[in-house]
C-alpha atoms as a PDB file:
ATOM      1  CA  UNK A   1       9.722 125.167 107.971  1.00  0.00           C
ATOM      2  CA  UNK A   2       9.238 126.738 104.177  1.00  0.00           C
ATOM      3  CA  UNK A   3      12.940 127.950 104.148  1.00  0.00           C
ATOM      4  CA  UNK A   4      14.402 124.583 105.040  1.00  0.00           C
ATOM      5  CA  UNK A   5      12.311 123.147 102.089  1.00  0.00           C
ATOM      6  CA  UNK A   6      13.190 125.524  99.559  1.00  0.00           C
ATOM      7  CA  UNK A   7      16.958 125.366 100.433  1.00  0.00           C
ATOM      8  CA  UNK A   8      16.558 121.594 100.418  1.00  0.00           C
ATOM      9  CA  UNK A   9      14.879 121.758  96.755  1.00  0.00           C
ATOM     10  CA  UNK A  10      17.721 124.059  95.343  1.00  0.00           C
ATOM     11  CA  UNK A  11      20.327 121.512  97.091  1.00  0.00           C
ATOM     12  CA  UNK A  12      18.466 118.825  95.235  1.00  0.00           C
ATOM     13  CA  UNK A  13      18.426 120.881  91.856  1.00  0.00           C
ATOM     14  CA  UNK A  14      22.075 121.662  91.903  1.00  0.00           C
ATOM     15  CA  UNK A  15      23.029 117.717  92.506  1.00  0.00           C
ATOM     16  CA  UNK A  16      20.997 116.910  89.549  1.00  0.00           C
ATOM     17  CA  UNK A  17      22.393 119.724  87.268  1.00  0.00           C
ATOM     18  CA  UNK A  18      25.699 118.334  85.120  1.00  0.00           C
ATOM     19  CA  UNK A  19      28.594 119.487  86.377  1.00  0.00           C
ATOM     20  CA  UNK A  20      31.717 120.056  84.366  1.00  0.00           C
ATOM     21  CA  UNK A  21      33.911 116.958  83.514  1.00  0.00           C
ATOM     22  CA  UNK A  22      30.591 114.742  83.971  1.00  0.00           C
ATOM     23  CA  UNK A  23      31.100 114.107  80.094  1.00  0.00           C
ATOM     24  CA  UNK A  24      34.221 112.520  80.602  1.00  0.00           C
ATOM     25  CA  UNK A  25      36.132 115.009  78.668  1.00  0.00           C
ATOM     26  CA  UNK A  26      36.235 118.758  78.392  1.00  0.00           C
ATOM     27  CA  UNK A  27      37.472 121.081  75.410  1.00  0.00           C
ATOM     28  CA  UNK A  28      40.394 123.439  76.721  1.00  0.00           C
ATOM     29  CA  UNK A  29      40.415 125.573  73.656  1.00  0.00           C
ATOM     30  CA  UNK A  30      39.212 126.110  69.988  1.00  0.00           C
ATOM     31  CA  UNK A  31      39.262 128.468  67.193  1.00  0.00           C
ATOM     32  CA  UNK A  32      37.347 129.348  63.779  1.00  0.00           C
ATOM     33  CA  UNK A  33      38.317 130.744  60.526  1.00  0.00           C
ATOM     34  CA  UNK A  34      37.560 131.161  57.074  1.00  0.00           C
ATOM     35  CA  UNK A  35      40.505 129.538  54.982  1.00  0.00           C
ATOM     36  CA  UNK A  36      40.805 128.532  51.290  1.00  0.00           C
ATOM     37  CA  UNK A  37      42.498 125.621  49.919  1.00  0.00           C
ATOM     38  CA  UNK A  38      42.318 123.398  46.592  1.00  0.00           C
ATOM     39  CA  UNK A  39      39.661 125.833  45.032  1.00  0.00           C
ATOM     40  CA  UNK A  40      37.274 125.585  47.819  1.00  0.00           C
ATOM     41  CA  UNK A  41      36.413 128.096  50.876  1.00  0.00           C
ATOM     42  CA  UNK A  42      35.579 126.839  54.018  1.00  0.00           C
ATOM     43  CA  UNK A  43      34.968 127.942  57.735  1.00  0.00           C
ATOM     44  CA  UNK A  44      37.573 125.698  59.499  1.00  0.00           C
ATOM     45  CA  UNK A  45      37.444 124.996  63.406  1.00  0.00           C
ATOM     46  CA  UNK A  46      40.723 123.241  65.322  1.00  0.00           C
ATOM     47  CA  UNK A  47      40.863 122.904  68.804  1.00  0.00           C
ATOM     48  CA  UNK A  48      42.129 120.707  71.989  1.00  0.00           C
ATOM     49  CA  UNK A  49      40.023 118.329  74.341  1.00  0.00           C
ATOM     50  CA  UNK A  50      41.178 116.425  77.580  1.00  0.00           C
ATOM     51  CA  UNK A  51      39.767 113.489  79.184  1.00  0.00           C
ATOM     52  CA  UNK A  52      38.551 114.224  82.696  1.00  0.00           C
ATOM     53  CA  UNK A  53      37.698 110.614  83.570  1.00  0.00           C
ATOM     54  CA  UNK A  54      39.691 108.255  85.458  1.00  0.00           C
ATOM     55  CA  UNK A  55      39.515 105.269  82.556  1.00  0.00           C
ATOM     56  CA  UNK A  56      40.173 105.536  79.245  1.00  0.00           C
ATOM     57  CA  UNK A  57      37.991 106.476  76.489  1.00  0.00           C
ATOM     58  CA  UNK A  58      36.830 104.935  73.687  1.00  0.00           C
ATOM     59  CA  UNK A  59      36.568 108.066  71.993  1.00  0.00           C
ATOM     60  CA  UNK A  60      35.536 111.821  72.438  1.00  0.00           C
ATOM     61  CA  UNK A  61      32.299 112.877  69.855  1.00  0.00           C
ATOM     62  CA  UNK A  62      32.033 116.701  69.426  1.00  0.00           C
ATOM     63  CA  UNK A  63      29.266 118.626  67.676  1.00  0.00           C
ATOM     64  CA  UNK A  64      30.228 121.823  66.022  1.00  0.00           C
ATOM     65  CA  UNK A  65      27.753 124.291  65.577  1.00  0.00           C
ATOM     66  CA  UNK A  66      27.788 126.932  62.862  1.00  0.00           C
ATOM     67  CA  UNK A  67      26.599 129.996  64.433  1.00  0.00           C
ATOM     68  CA  UNK A  68      25.516 133.718  62.290  1.00  0.00           C
ATOM     69  CA  UNK A  69      26.224 137.092  63.842  1.00  0.00           C
ATOM     70  CA  UNK A  70      23.184 136.909  65.786  1.00  0.00           C
ATOM     71  CA  UNK A  71      24.303 133.504  67.411  1.00  0.00           C
ATOM     72  CA  UNK A  72      21.743 131.413  65.330  1.00  0.00           C
ATOM     73  CA  UNK A  73      22.640 128.162  64.794  1.00  0.00           C
ATOM     74  CA  UNK A  74      23.026 127.526  60.474  1.00  0.00           C
ATOM     75  CA  UNK A  75      24.306 123.735  60.668  1.00  0.00           C
ATOM     76  CA  UNK A  76      26.291 121.547  62.683  1.00  0.00           C
ATOM     77  CA  UNK A  77      28.674 118.681  62.162  1.00  0.00           C
ATOM     78  CA  UNK A  78      29.979 116.251  64.355  1.00  0.00           C
ATOM     79  CA  UNK A  79      33.725 114.862  64.716  1.00  0.00           C
ATOM     80  CA  UNK A  80      35.971 112.638  66.888  1.00  0.00           C
ATOM     81  CA  UNK A  81      38.925 113.546  68.668  1.00  0.00           C
ATOM     82  CA  UNK A  82      42.360 112.995  66.666  1.00  0.00           C
ATOM     83  CA  UNK A  83      42.891 109.302  67.126  1.00  0.00           C
ATOM     84  CA  UNK A  84      39.053 108.542  66.524  1.00  0.00           C
ATOM     85  CA  UNK A  85      38.940 111.241  63.668  1.00  0.00           C
ATOM     86  CA  UNK A  86      38.404 107.835  60.994  1.00  0.00           C
ATOM     87  CA  UNK A  87      34.676 107.192  62.774  1.00  0.00           C
ATOM     88  CA  UNK A  88      33.781 110.860  61.044  1.00  0.00           C
ATOM     89  CA  UNK A  89      33.850 109.062  57.606  1.00  0.00           C
ATOM     90  CA  UNK A  90      30.311 108.706  56.590  1.00  0.00           C
ATOM     91  CA  UNK A  91      30.950 105.169  54.543  1.00  0.00           C
ATOM     92  CA  UNK A  92      32.827 103.420  57.431  1.00  0.00           C
ATOM     93  CA  UNK A  93      31.057 101.118  59.585  1.00  0.00           C
ATOM     94  CA  UNK A  94      31.685 102.526  63.065  1.00  0.00           C
ATOM     95  CA  UNK A  95      30.924  99.067  64.899  1.00  0.00           C
ATOM     96  CA  UNK A  96      33.142  97.563  62.976  1.00  0.00           C
ATOM     97  CA  UNK A  97      36.337  99.827  63.114  1.00  0.00           C
ATOM     98  CA  UNK A  98      36.017  99.610  67.042  1.00  0.00           C
ATOM     99  CA  UNK A  99      35.450  96.184  67.169  1.00  0.00           C
ATOM    100  CA  UNK A 100      38.680  96.022  65.045  1.00  0.00           C
ATOM    101  CA  UNK A 101      40.817  97.652  67.810  1.00  0.00           C
ATOM    102  CA  UNK A 102      41.791 100.311  65.251  1.00  0.00           C
ATOM    103  CA  UNK A 103      40.874 103.571  67.420  1.00  0.00           C
ATOM    104  CA  UNK A 104      43.327 104.059  69.934  1.00  0.00           C
ATOM    105  CA  UNK A 105      41.720 104.818  73.064  1.00  0.00           C
ATOM    106  CA  UNK A 106      42.081 108.116  74.719  1.00  0.00           C
ATOM    107  CA  UNK A 107      44.041 107.430  77.985  1.00  0.00           C
ATOM    108  CA  UNK A 108      43.128 109.018  81.472  1.00  0.00           C
ATOM    109  CA  UNK A 109      43.814 113.054  81.828  1.00  0.00           C
ATOM    110  CA  UNK A 110      45.340 112.655  78.356  1.00  0.00           C
ATOM    111  CA  UNK A 111      45.112 115.671  75.817  1.00  0.00           C
ATOM    112  CA  UNK A 112      44.371 115.443  71.817  1.00  0.00           C
ATOM    113  CA  UNK A 113      43.408 117.917  69.231  1.00  0.00           C
ATOM    114  CA  UNK A 114      39.904 117.609  66.983  1.00  0.00           C
ATOM    115  CA  UNK A 115      38.660 119.558  63.959  1.00  0.00           C
ATOM    116  CA  UNK A 116      35.768 119.962  62.033  1.00  0.00           C
ATOM    117  CA  UNK A 117      34.248 122.621  59.362  1.00  0.00           C
ATOM    118  CA  UNK A 118      31.698 123.670  56.950  1.00  0.00           C
ATOM    119  CA  UNK A 119      31.893 124.787  53.406  1.00  0.00           C
ATOM    120  CA  UNK A 120      31.110 128.353  52.183  1.00  0.00           C
ATOM    121  CA  UNK A 121      28.944 126.988  49.218  1.00  0.00           C
ATOM    122  CA  UNK A 122      26.714 125.237  52.080  1.00  0.00           C
ATOM    123  CA  UNK A 123      26.703 127.769  55.071  1.00  0.00           C
ATOM    124  CA  UNK A 124      28.243 131.471  53.732  1.00  0.00           C
ATOM    125  CA  UNK A 125      26.560 133.140  56.484  1.00  0.00           C
ATOM    126  CA  UNK A 126      29.238 131.314  59.069  1.00  0.00           C
ATOM    127  CA  UNK A 127      30.390 134.272  61.626  1.00  0.00           C
ATOM    128  CA  UNK A 128      31.360 131.904  64.864  1.00  0.00           C
ATOM    129  CA  UNK A 129      30.731 128.495  65.588  1.00  0.00           C
ATOM    130  CA  UNK A 130      29.986 126.631  69.388  1.00  0.00           C
ATOM    131  CA  UNK A 131      31.672 123.172  70.363  1.00  0.00           C
ATOM    132  CA  UNK A 132      30.026 120.697  72.494  1.00  0.00           C
ATOM    133  CA  UNK A 133      31.215 117.085  73.563  1.00  0.00           C
ATOM    134  CA  UNK A 134      28.325 114.754  72.815  1.00  0.00           C
ATOM    135  CA  UNK A 135      29.984 111.322  74.015  1.00  0.00           C
ATOM    136  CA  UNK A 136      32.794 110.089  75.388  1.00  0.00           C
ATOM    137  CA  UNK A 137      32.326 106.595  76.339  1.00  0.00           C
ATOM    138  CA  UNK A 138      34.891 104.485  78.732  1.00  0.00           C
ATOM    139  CA  UNK A 139      36.930 101.978  76.748  1.00  0.00           C
ATOM    140  CA  UNK A 140      36.388  98.056  77.432  1.00  0.00           C
END
């Protein structure tokens, strides 16, 4: 009887664990490197994501963690898929922009780019990064 209960417990744990695609989108690829421009040095991350939803997504919110050589998180930034990038601007009212219809939904199965970065004067020890999907709500 105990092996059966153990097997059942494993099945229940596996069913409760999130599976790839449950977020509504997945990161396809990303890369980061130090760059310079306009007199500033920054660690620039660019990548692509794909909707795994069968419905259009309102946006895809992404967190990029800056990591040191030991994998320790130095800092994080949040950004959005290319069509919703305006939502990253700190001075905008996100609810107002979304209600205006100015953010084009990401179609089911569509791919889109994203970008984000860290300034060298704030995060000089960045060696690599990690990208995580934070939110991907369905479009209304």
